[in-house]
N, C-alpha and C. Protein backbone atom coordinates (compact mmCIF):
# COMPACT_ATOMS: atom_id res chain seq x y z
N MET A 1 0.69 -1.35 0.00
CA MET A 1 0.24 0.09 0.12
C MET A 1 1.07 1.25 0.22
N VAL A 2 0.54 2.38 -0.71
CA VAL A 2 1.23 3.48 -0.80
C VAL A 2 0.58 4.42 -0.13
N ALA A 3 1.42 4.84 0.82
CA ALA A 3 0.93 6.06 1.79
C ALA A 3 1.06 7.44 1.01
N GLY A 4 -0.17 8.22 1.27
CA GLY A 4 -0.69 9.31 0.61
C GLY A 4 0.01 10.48 1.45
N SER A 5 -0.06 11.78 0.94
CA SER A 5 0.41 13.16 1.48
C SER A 5 -0.52 13.94 1.62
N VAL A 6 -0.32 14.76 2.66
CA VAL A 6 -1.48 15.86 2.60
C VAL A 6 -0.88 17.55 2.65
N THR A 7 -1.09 18.46 2.01
CA THR A 7 -0.73 19.44 1.98
C THR A 7 -1.45 20.56 2.45
N VAL A 8 -1.10 21.28 3.52
CA VAL A 8 -2.27 22.14 4.06
C VAL A 8 -1.88 23.55 3.23
N LEU A 9 -2.95 24.13 2.91
CA LEU A 9 -2.71 25.57 2.25
C LEU A 9 -3.31 26.40 2.86
N ALA A 10 -2.78 27.65 3.03
CA ALA A 10 -3.68 28.88 3.51
C ALA A 10 -4.58 29.48 2.28
N PRO A 11 -5.48 30.37 2.84
CA PRO A 11 -6.30 31.00 1.72
C PRO A 11 -5.38 31.88 0.57
N GLU A 12 -4.46 32.23 1.11
CA GLU A 12 -3.56 33.27 0.33
C GLU A 12 -3.04 32.53 -0.64
N ASP A 13 -2.25 31.19 -0.16
CA ASP A 13 -1.85 30.27 -1.29
C ASP A 13 -2.44 30.28 -2.57
N ILE A 14 -3.93 30.62 -2.34
CA ILE A 14 -4.52 29.98 -3.54
C ILE A 14 -5.24 31.15 -4.49
N LEU A 15 -4.52 31.46 -5.43
CA LEU A 15 -4.62 32.32 -6.53
C LEU A 15 -6.09 32.50 -7.26
N ALA A 16 -6.77 31.42 -7.51
CA ALA A 16 -7.63 31.13 -8.25
C ALA A 16 -8.29 29.79 -8.45
N VAL A 17 -9.77 30.02 -8.34
CA VAL A 17 -10.57 28.60 -8.60
C VAL A 17 -11.52 28.89 -9.60
N ALA A 18 -11.69 27.96 -10.52
CA ALA A 18 -12.33 28.16 -11.84
C ALA A 18 -12.66 26.69 -12.27
N VAL A 19 -13.78 26.72 -12.92
CA VAL A 19 -14.44 25.79 -13.77
C VAL A 19 -13.89 25.38 -14.98
N ARG A 20 -13.35 24.32 -15.42
CA ARG A 20 -12.88 24.07 -16.81
C ARG A 20 -13.42 22.92 -17.27
N THR A 21 -13.78 23.26 -18.53
CA THR A 21 -14.47 22.37 -19.52
C THR A 21 -13.28 21.39 -20.05
N VAL A 22 -13.61 19.89 -19.96
CA VAL A 22 -12.77 18.85 -20.27
C VAL A 22 -13.77 18.42 -21.44
N GLU A 23 -12.95 18.45 -22.89
CA GLU A 23 -13.63 18.12 -23.98
C GLU A 23 -13.19 16.71 -24.32
N TRP A 24 -14.02 16.03 -24.76
CA TRP A 24 -13.84 14.57 -25.03
C TRP A 24 -14.46 14.23 -26.58
N ASP A 25 -13.62 13.63 -27.27
CA ASP A 25 -14.03 13.00 -28.71
C ASP A 25 -15.04 11.95 -28.28
N SER A 26 -15.00 11.11 -27.55
CA SER A 26 -15.75 9.88 -27.50
C SER A 26 -17.27 9.72 -26.48
N GLY A 27 -17.42 11.13 -26.38
CA GLY A 27 -18.66 11.36 -25.41
C GLY A 27 -18.76 12.82 -25.11
N PRO A 28 -19.78 13.19 -24.25
CA PRO A 28 -19.98 14.58 -23.94
C PRO A 28 -18.99 15.17 -23.24
N ASP A 29 -18.83 16.54 -23.05
CA ASP A 29 -18.12 17.08 -22.27
C ASP A 29 -18.14 16.81 -20.66
N THR A 30 -16.95 17.03 -20.06
CA THR A 30 -17.29 17.08 -18.61
C THR A 30 -16.84 18.31 -17.95
N PHE A 31 -16.77 18.56 -16.76
CA PHE A 31 -16.45 19.51 -15.94
C PHE A 31 -15.61 19.24 -14.66
N ALA A 32 -14.42 20.16 -14.54
CA ALA A 32 -13.49 20.08 -13.30
C ALA A 32 -13.29 21.41 -12.74
N VAL A 33 -13.14 21.30 -11.35
CA VAL A 33 -12.66 22.59 -10.72
C VAL A 33 -11.34 22.80 -10.68
N GLU A 34 -10.75 23.91 -11.18
CA GLU A 34 -8.95 23.76 -11.23
C GLU A 34 -8.81 24.86 -9.76
N VAL A 35 -7.95 24.76 -9.24
CA VAL A 35 -7.40 25.55 -8.30
C VAL A 35 -6.18 25.87 -8.62
N THR A 36 -5.92 27.39 -8.80
CA THR A 36 -4.48 27.73 -9.17
C THR A 36 -3.60 28.15 -8.06
N LEU A 37 -2.54 27.85 -7.70
CA LEU A 37 -1.70 28.05 -6.49
C LEU A 37 -0.72 29.19 -7.15
N ARG A 38 -0.52 30.16 -5.98
CA ARG A 38 0.52 31.56 -6.27
C ARG A 38 1.81 31.02 -6.93
N ARG A 39 2.11 29.84 -6.37
CA ARG A 39 3.43 29.35 -7.04
C ARG A 39 3.30 28.69 -8.34
N GLY A 40 2.21 28.92 -9.08
CA GLY A 40 1.95 28.12 -10.33
C GLY A 40 1.34 27.02 -10.24
N HIS A 41 1.33 26.14 -9.50
CA HIS A 41 0.79 24.87 -9.67
C HIS A 41 -0.64 24.98 -9.93
N LYS A 42 -1.40 23.70 -10.64
CA LYS A 42 -2.70 23.71 -10.62
C LYS A 42 -3.03 22.33 -10.08
N VAL A 43 -4.06 22.42 -9.43
CA VAL A 43 -4.67 21.05 -8.64
C VAL A 43 -6.21 21.09 -9.28
N GLY A 44 -6.52 19.58 -9.74
CA GLY A 44 -7.81 19.57 -10.34
C GLY A 44 -8.78 18.71 -9.47
N SER A 45 -10.19 18.70 -9.82
CA SER A 45 -10.85 17.74 -9.12
C SER A 45 -11.09 16.86 -9.91
N ASP A 46 -12.21 15.62 -9.41
CA ASP A 46 -12.32 14.41 -10.66
C ASP A 46 -13.32 15.56 -11.23
N ASP A 47 -13.70 14.58 -12.61
CA ASP A 47 -14.74 15.13 -13.47
C ASP A 47 -16.05 15.12 -12.97
N PHE A 48 -16.83 16.18 -13.34
CA PHE A 48 -18.28 16.16 -13.13
C PHE A 48 -18.93 15.86 -14.46
N ARG A 49 -20.30 15.42 -14.35
CA ARG A 49 -21.07 15.29 -15.80
C ARG A 49 -21.66 16.45 -16.07
N ASN A 50 -21.84 17.25 -15.05
CA ASN A 50 -22.77 18.67 -15.43
C ASN A 50 -22.11 19.83 -14.77
N ARG A 51 -22.15 20.73 -15.68
CA ARG A 51 -21.49 22.13 -15.19
C ARG A 51 -22.20 22.50 -13.79
N ALA A 52 -23.32 22.71 -13.35
CA ALA A 52 -23.72 22.94 -12.23
C ALA A 52 -23.07 22.20 -11.05
N GLU A 53 -22.80 20.69 -11.11
CA GLU A 53 -22.06 20.16 -9.94
C GLU A 53 -20.81 20.94 -9.82
N ALA A 54 -19.83 21.06 -10.93
CA ALA A 54 -18.64 21.96 -10.91
C ALA A 54 -18.65 23.21 -10.21
N GLU A 55 -19.55 23.98 -10.67
CA GLU A 55 -19.90 25.26 -10.26
C GLU A 55 -20.17 25.16 -8.68
N ALA A 56 -20.80 24.40 -8.15
CA ALA A 56 -21.27 24.28 -6.72
C ALA A 56 -19.84 23.96 -5.95
N LEU A 57 -19.33 23.17 -6.18
CA LEU A 57 -17.94 22.89 -5.91
C LEU A 57 -16.90 24.14 -5.86
N ALA A 58 -17.01 24.77 -6.85
CA ALA A 58 -16.29 26.19 -7.29
C ALA A 58 -16.82 26.75 -5.89
N ALA A 59 -17.96 27.22 -5.67
CA ALA A 59 -18.40 28.29 -5.05
C ALA A 59 -18.17 27.88 -3.39
N ARG A 60 -18.53 26.55 -3.10
CA ARG A 60 -17.96 26.29 -1.72
C ARG A 60 -16.58 26.27 -1.40
N LEU A 61 -15.75 26.20 -2.36
CA LEU A 61 -14.36 26.21 -2.02
C LEU A 61 -14.10 28.11 -1.67
N GLU A 62 -14.52 28.69 -2.96
CA GLU A 62 -14.64 30.26 -2.85
C GLU A 62 -15.33 30.64 -1.33
N ALA A 63 -16.38 30.16 -0.89
CA ALA A 63 -16.71 30.44 0.36
C ALA A 63 -15.96 30.13 1.45
N ALA A 64 -15.45 28.87 1.56
CA ALA A 64 -14.19 28.60 2.49
C ALA A 64 -13.14 29.50 2.51
N LEU A 65 -12.84 29.84 1.39
CA LEU A 65 -11.75 31.07 1.44
C LEU A 65 -12.09 32.35 1.88
N GLY A 66 -13.24 32.48 2.08
CA GLY A 66 -13.66 33.81 2.44
C GLY A 66 -13.98 34.80 1.37
N ARG A 67 -14.09 34.32 0.14
CA ARG A 67 -14.26 34.96 -1.24
C ARG A 67 -15.38 34.89 -1.76
N THR A 68 -16.52 35.14 -0.86
CA THR A 68 -17.86 35.06 -1.40
C THR A 68 -18.76 36.19 -1.96
């Protein structure tokens, strides 16, 4: 079994939260939430089947960051 790691980020470490469309040739588009860190790295969520679900997660993240 491989042990995972956890990185704790402060709100000021997060530059942006956005919904990204993932285009597929083999089926309908999906949507992911992408978090951009100040140091340039991007972290993405699993894909959602509809944009509203991804937007709801992005809104929850923004609220948790105090950016509502």
